[in-house]
Amino acid sequence: MAGGITRTTRCHPPSHYLFKIEAFSLLVEAKVDKFKSNAFEAWGHQWRLVLYPTGNKKSNGSGYISLYLEIEKSANLTLDWEVNVDFKLFVFDQIRDRYLVIKDMEVPVRRFYEMKTGWGFSQLLSQKTFKNAGNGYLVDDCCTFGAEVLVIQRTPKVEKSVVKKPIGGTITWKMDNFSKLDKKFYNSPVVSIDGIKWNLVVYPKGGTGVKDTHLSIYIKLAEPHTLPPKLQLYVKYKLRLRNQFNSNSWERTGKHHF
């Protein structure tokens, strides 16, 4: 065991897939960076083995054979899909008729999802160990790899919080006969923006601390009791007082957690 990776041997083949290469040197001579197997089915999903004959150099695999398990994207996967997998990868010892089994015991279950569709080992076997005919892995230019897949089914309900790119929107409120407004403050009609209700609040003669010296304008979260408990909203906003004669409108921008 090294770095949480175990290498054991067993006699029986992997349960799901064997990937035989009868001319390994051709991949090396052709400078094939990575080579994918045919797709195979396990636990209702399609998978492939991805082999780096000279190692995955982007993942510290120089001088090694690199091998990965990759899930195929398909129509049966939902938009926010994820598949949790306990897997083993195999290399066949052709001399002793047994399999080398490689498994990550430190993180035994890996999560496959949209941004991470492959997991495996960049340092599966060193090139020296793999190419030594006495080890039985590469004999007469032939080698065989394999995979065993166990999908961990999620039964409990899992709730997710998603940070979404906001759609944004505009609240426009025309106030007539402004000089005759005598209440302390006025609420605009409620506008729904991306499913959240908002309105403007205007203090014609100024709010707290600026009474009779300023006009005060606020953006307000309307009907907060209709929202989920402890919901947090991070809002960037721009307040504008339109100039009715030219384009020199008054504007102020801000941001706030509601």
Protein backbone atom coordinates (compact mmCIF):
# COMPACT_ATOMS: atom_id res chain seq x y z
CA MET A 1 0.00 0.00 0.00
CA ALA A 2 1.40 3.42 -0.99
CA GLY A 3 -0.36 6.75 -0.71
CA GLY A 4 -3.64 5.01 0.08
CA ILE A 5 -3.40 2.88 -3.10
CA THR A 6 -3.48 -0.89 -2.59
CA ARG A 7 -2.18 -3.49 -5.04
CA THR A 8 -3.35 -7.03 -4.35
CA THR A 9 -3.74 -10.14 -6.49
CA ARG A 10 -6.61 -12.53 -7.13
CA CYS A 11 -7.41 -15.38 -9.49
CA HIS A 12 -10.91 -14.53 -10.74
CA PRO A 13 -11.35 -11.85 -13.43
CA PRO A 14 -13.15 -8.52 -12.93
CA SER A 15 -16.93 -8.68 -12.90
CA HIS A 16 -17.62 -6.09 -15.56
CA TYR A 17 -15.01 -5.59 -18.24
CA LEU A 18 -11.74 -6.77 -19.78
CA PHE A 19 -9.78 -4.63 -22.24
CA LYS A 20 -7.21 -6.59 -24.26
CA ILE A 21 -4.50 -4.90 -26.35
CA GLU A 22 -2.62 -7.23 -28.74
CA ALA A 23 -0.12 -4.68 -30.12
CA PHE A 24 0.82 -2.35 -27.29
CA SER A 25 3.96 -1.11 -29.08
CA LEU A 26 1.82 0.32 -31.91
CA LEU A 27 0.22 2.75 -29.46
CA VAL A 28 3.64 3.90 -28.28
CA GLU A 29 5.11 4.17 -31.79
CA ALA A 30 2.08 6.15 -32.96
CA LYS A 31 2.57 8.47 -29.97
CA VAL A 32 -1.00 7.92 -28.82
CA ASP A 33 -1.49 10.11 -25.78
CA LYS A 34 -4.56 8.26 -24.53
CA PHE A 35 -6.58 5.34 -25.84
CA LYS A 36 -10.21 4.63 -24.92
CA SER A 37 -11.78 1.19 -24.79
CA ASN A 38 -15.18 0.32 -26.15
CA ALA A 39 -18.11 1.26 -23.92
CA PHE A 40 -19.42 -1.31 -21.45
CA GLU A 41 -22.52 -1.37 -19.25
CA ALA A 42 -22.55 -1.60 -15.47
CA TRP A 43 -25.25 -0.54 -13.00
CA GLY A 44 -27.35 1.07 -15.71
CA HIS A 45 -24.55 3.34 -16.95
CA GLN A 46 -22.06 3.21 -19.81
CA TRP A 47 -18.34 3.27 -18.98
CA ARG A 48 -14.96 3.18 -20.70
CA LEU A 49 -11.39 2.52 -19.67
CA VAL A 50 -8.94 5.26 -20.67
CA LEU A 51 -5.31 4.18 -21.02
CA TYR A 52 -2.28 6.47 -21.24
CA PRO A 53 0.41 4.15 -22.70
CA THR A 54 3.26 6.46 -21.73
CA GLY A 55 1.59 8.00 -18.69
CA ASN A 56 -0.63 10.99 -18.06
CA LYS A 57 2.03 13.68 -17.96
CA LYS A 58 -0.47 16.34 -16.84
CA SER A 59 -1.05 14.37 -13.65
CA ASN A 60 2.49 13.37 -12.64
CA GLY A 61 2.31 10.16 -14.67
CA SER A 62 5.62 10.37 -16.56
CA GLY A 63 7.43 7.02 -16.40
CA TYR A 64 4.22 5.15 -15.58
CA ILE A 65 1.21 3.51 -17.17
CA SER A 66 -1.92 5.55 -16.38
CA LEU A 67 -5.42 4.05 -16.35
CA TYR A 68 -8.81 5.63 -15.63
CA LEU A 69 -12.47 4.71 -15.43
CA GLU A 70 -14.68 7.15 -17.34
CA ILE A 71 -18.48 7.44 -17.37
CA GLU A 72 -20.23 8.08 -20.66
CA LYS A 73 -22.66 11.00 -20.71
CA SER A 74 -26.08 9.88 -21.87
CA ALA A 75 -29.69 10.97 -22.06
CA ASN A 76 -30.62 9.05 -18.90
CA LEU A 77 -28.46 11.37 -16.78
CA THR A 78 -30.30 14.36 -15.33
CA LEU A 79 -29.02 17.93 -15.50
CA ASP A 80 -27.44 17.83 -12.02
CA TRP A 81 -26.47 14.14 -12.16
CA GLU A 82 -23.89 12.44 -10.02
CA VAL A 83 -22.87 8.79 -9.65
CA ASN A 84 -20.92 7.61 -6.60
CA VAL A 85 -18.69 4.65 -7.40
CA ASP A 86 -16.49 2.18 -5.55
CA PHE A 87 -14.28 0.77 -8.32
CA LYS A 88 -11.21 -1.39 -8.88
CA LEU A 89 -8.90 -1.51 -11.90
CA PHE A 90 -7.04 -4.63 -13.03
CA VAL A 91 -3.92 -5.73 -14.91
CA PHE A 92 -3.67 -9.38 -16.00
CA ASP A 93 -0.54 -11.38 -15.10
CA GLN A 94 -0.33 -13.71 -18.09
CA ILE A 95 2.41 -15.91 -16.61
CA ARG A 96 0.77 -16.71 -13.26
CA ASP A 97 -2.82 -16.49 -14.56
CA ARG A 98 -3.95 -13.97 -11.96
CA TYR A 99 -4.92 -10.35 -11.74
CA LEU A 100 -3.25 -7.41 -10.10
CA VAL A 101 -6.04 -5.40 -8.41
CA ILE A 102 -5.52 -1.65 -7.86
CA LYS A 103 -7.83 0.26 -5.52
CA ASP A 104 -7.82 3.58 -3.70
CA MET A 105 -8.46 2.67 -0.06
CA GLU A 106 -7.95 6.22 1.21
CA VAL A 107 -10.92 7.51 -0.86
CA PRO A 108 -12.77 4.30 -1.79
CA VAL A 109 -15.86 6.01 -3.23
CA ARG A 110 -15.46 8.59 -5.99
CA ARG A 111 -18.11 11.00 -7.26
CA PHE A 112 -18.58 11.14 -11.04
CA TYR A 113 -20.45 14.24 -12.22
CA GLU A 114 -20.59 16.83 -15.04
CA MET A 115 -17.23 18.45 -14.23
CA LYS A 116 -15.44 15.20 -13.29
CA THR A 117 -16.29 12.22 -15.50
CA GLY A 118 -13.14 10.16 -14.91
CA TRP A 119 -11.20 8.76 -11.96
CA GLY A 120 -8.24 6.43 -11.82
CA PHE A 121 -4.51 6.15 -11.30
CA SER A 122 -1.85 8.26 -13.00
CA GLN A 123 0.83 5.95 -11.55
CA LEU A 124 -0.85 2.58 -12.07
CA LEU A 125 2.45 0.78 -12.78
CA SER A 126 5.91 2.05 -13.58
CA GLN A 127 7.00 1.55 -17.19
CA LYS A 128 9.88 -0.61 -15.94
CA THR A 129 7.58 -2.90 -13.96
CA PHE A 130 4.99 -3.09 -16.73
CA LYS A 131 7.48 -3.89 -19.51
CA ASN A 132 9.46 -6.48 -17.55
CA ALA A 133 8.26 -9.67 -19.22
CA GLY A 134 8.96 -11.62 -16.04
CA ASN A 135 6.11 -9.80 -14.31
CA GLY A 136 3.62 -11.10 -16.87
CA TYR A 137 1.85 -7.84 -17.61
CA LEU A 138 3.24 -7.29 -21.12
CA VAL A 139 4.00 -10.55 -22.93
CA ASP A 140 4.59 -10.76 -26.69
CA ASP A 141 3.35 -7.17 -26.97
CA CYS A 142 0.01 -8.18 -25.46
CA CYS A 143 -1.62 -6.90 -22.27
CA THR A 144 -5.06 -6.92 -20.64
CA PHE A 145 -6.69 -4.39 -18.32
CA GLY A 146 -10.02 -4.60 -16.52
CA ALA A 147 -12.57 -2.83 -14.35
CA GLU A 148 -15.05 -3.66 -11.63
CA VAL A 149 -17.70 -1.10 -10.76
CA LEU A 150 -19.95 -0.80 -7.73
CA VAL A 151 -22.40 2.11 -7.79
CA ILE A 152 -23.41 3.34 -4.34
CA GLN A 153 -27.11 4.07 -4.47
CA ARG A 154 -28.25 7.20 -2.64
CA THR A 155 -31.52 6.58 -0.82
CA PRO A 156 -31.88 9.62 1.49
CA LYS A 157 -33.26 12.84 0.17
CA VAL A 158 -30.49 15.35 -0.37
CA GLU A 159 -31.24 19.04 -0.55
CA LYS A 160 -28.95 21.35 -2.48
CA SER A 161 -28.29 25.05 -2.42
CA VAL A 162 -27.43 26.51 -5.80
CA VAL A 163 -25.74 29.82 -6.43
CA LYS A 164 -27.29 30.93 -9.71
CA LYS A 165 -26.34 33.61 -12.14
CA PRO A 166 -29.10 36.19 -11.62
CA ILE A 167 -31.52 37.11 -14.36
CA GLY A 168 -31.99 40.67 -13.13
CA GLY A 169 -34.91 42.97 -13.71
CA THR A 170 -36.23 46.51 -13.46
CA ILE A 171 -38.76 48.28 -11.26
CA THR A 172 -40.13 51.44 -12.85
CA TRP A 173 -42.32 53.72 -10.74
CA LYS A 174 -43.76 57.03 -11.88
CA MET A 175 -44.94 59.23 -9.00
CA ASP A 176 -47.42 61.95 -9.98
CA ASN A 177 -48.15 65.16 -8.02
CA PHE A 178 -44.98 64.69 -6.00
CA SER A 179 -45.24 68.10 -4.28
CA LYS A 180 -48.58 67.11 -2.83
CA LEU A 181 -47.38 63.86 -1.23
CA ASP A 182 -47.81 64.20 2.52
CA LYS A 183 -47.16 60.73 3.91
CA LYS A 184 -43.84 59.79 5.54
CA PHE A 185 -43.10 57.14 2.91
CA TYR A 186 -44.65 55.39 -0.08
CA ASN A 187 -44.31 51.83 -1.41
CA SER A 188 -44.24 51.13 -5.12
CA PRO A 189 -46.22 48.27 -6.65
CA VAL A 190 -44.56 44.87 -6.07
CA VAL A 191 -42.55 43.41 -8.98
CA SER A 192 -41.38 39.77 -9.22
CA ILE A 193 -37.79 39.34 -10.43
CA ASP A 194 -36.54 35.77 -10.87
CA GLY A 195 -39.29 34.53 -8.56
CA ILE A 196 -38.49 37.00 -5.76
CA LYS A 197 -40.80 39.94 -5.02
CA TRP A 198 -39.41 43.47 -4.63
CA ASN A 199 -40.63 47.03 -4.36
CA LEU A 200 -39.23 50.53 -3.97
CA VAL A 201 -39.74 52.67 -0.87
CA VAL A 202 -39.60 56.47 -1.26
CA TYR A 203 -39.45 59.02 1.58
CA PRO A 204 -40.40 62.31 -0.19
CA LYS A 205 -38.98 64.44 2.64
CA GLY A 206 -36.14 62.13 3.63
CA GLY A 207 -35.71 59.18 5.92
CA THR A 208 -34.08 58.91 9.34
CA GLY A 209 -31.21 61.36 9.77
CA VAL A 210 -31.87 63.32 6.59
CA LYS A 211 -35.43 64.55 7.14
CA ASP A 212 -36.26 67.71 5.18
CA THR A 213 -32.79 67.77 3.57
CA HIS A 214 -32.80 64.82 1.16
CA LEU A 215 -34.97 62.53 -0.90
CA SER A 216 -34.59 58.92 0.30
CA ILE A 217 -35.06 55.87 -1.95
CA TYR A 218 -34.70 52.21 -0.93
CA ILE A 219 -35.13 48.80 -2.51
CA LYS A 220 -37.14 46.44 -0.32
CA LEU A 221 -37.64 42.69 -0.20
CA ALA A 222 -41.42 42.31 -0.38
CA GLU A 223 -43.39 39.51 1.26
CA PRO A 224 -40.34 37.80 2.87
CA HIS A 225 -42.67 35.45 4.79
CA THR A 226 -43.36 33.63 1.50
CA LEU A 227 -39.69 32.65 1.10
CA PRO A 228 -37.90 29.58 2.55
CA PRO A 229 -36.57 30.03 6.11
CA LYS A 230 -33.04 31.45 6.44
CA LEU A 231 -32.82 32.11 2.69
CA GLN A 232 -29.95 34.49 1.87
CA LEU A 233 -30.00 36.80 -1.12
CA TYR A 234 -26.94 38.72 -2.26
CA VAL A 235 -28.16 41.62 -4.38
CA LYS A 236 -26.42 44.21 -6.52
CA TYR A 237 -28.72 47.07 -7.40
CA LYS A 238 -28.82 50.45 -9.09
CA LEU A 239 -31.25 53.18 -8.05
CA ARG A 240 -32.05 55.81 -10.66
CA LEU A 241 -33.97 59.09 -10.52
CA ARG A 242 -34.79 59.85 -14.12
CA ASN A 243 -34.02 63.25 -15.60
CA GLN A 244 -37.10 64.02 -17.70
CA PHE A 245 -35.32 66.58 -19.89
CA ASN A 246 -32.02 64.87 -20.78
CA SER A 247 -29.93 61.77 -20.11
CA ASN A 248 -28.25 63.13 -16.97
CA SER A 249 -30.21 60.95 -14.58
CA TRP A 250 -29.18 60.57 -10.94
CA GLU A 251 -27.86 57.07 -10.16
CA ARG A 252 -26.45 55.25 -7.17
CA THR A 253 -25.30 51.61 -7.07
CA GLY A 254 -25.03 49.33 -4.07
CA LYS A 255 -25.02 45.74 -2.83
CA HIS A 256 -26.61 44.09 0.16
CA HIS A 257 -27.40 40.76 1.82
CA PHE A 258 -31.10 40.29 2.41
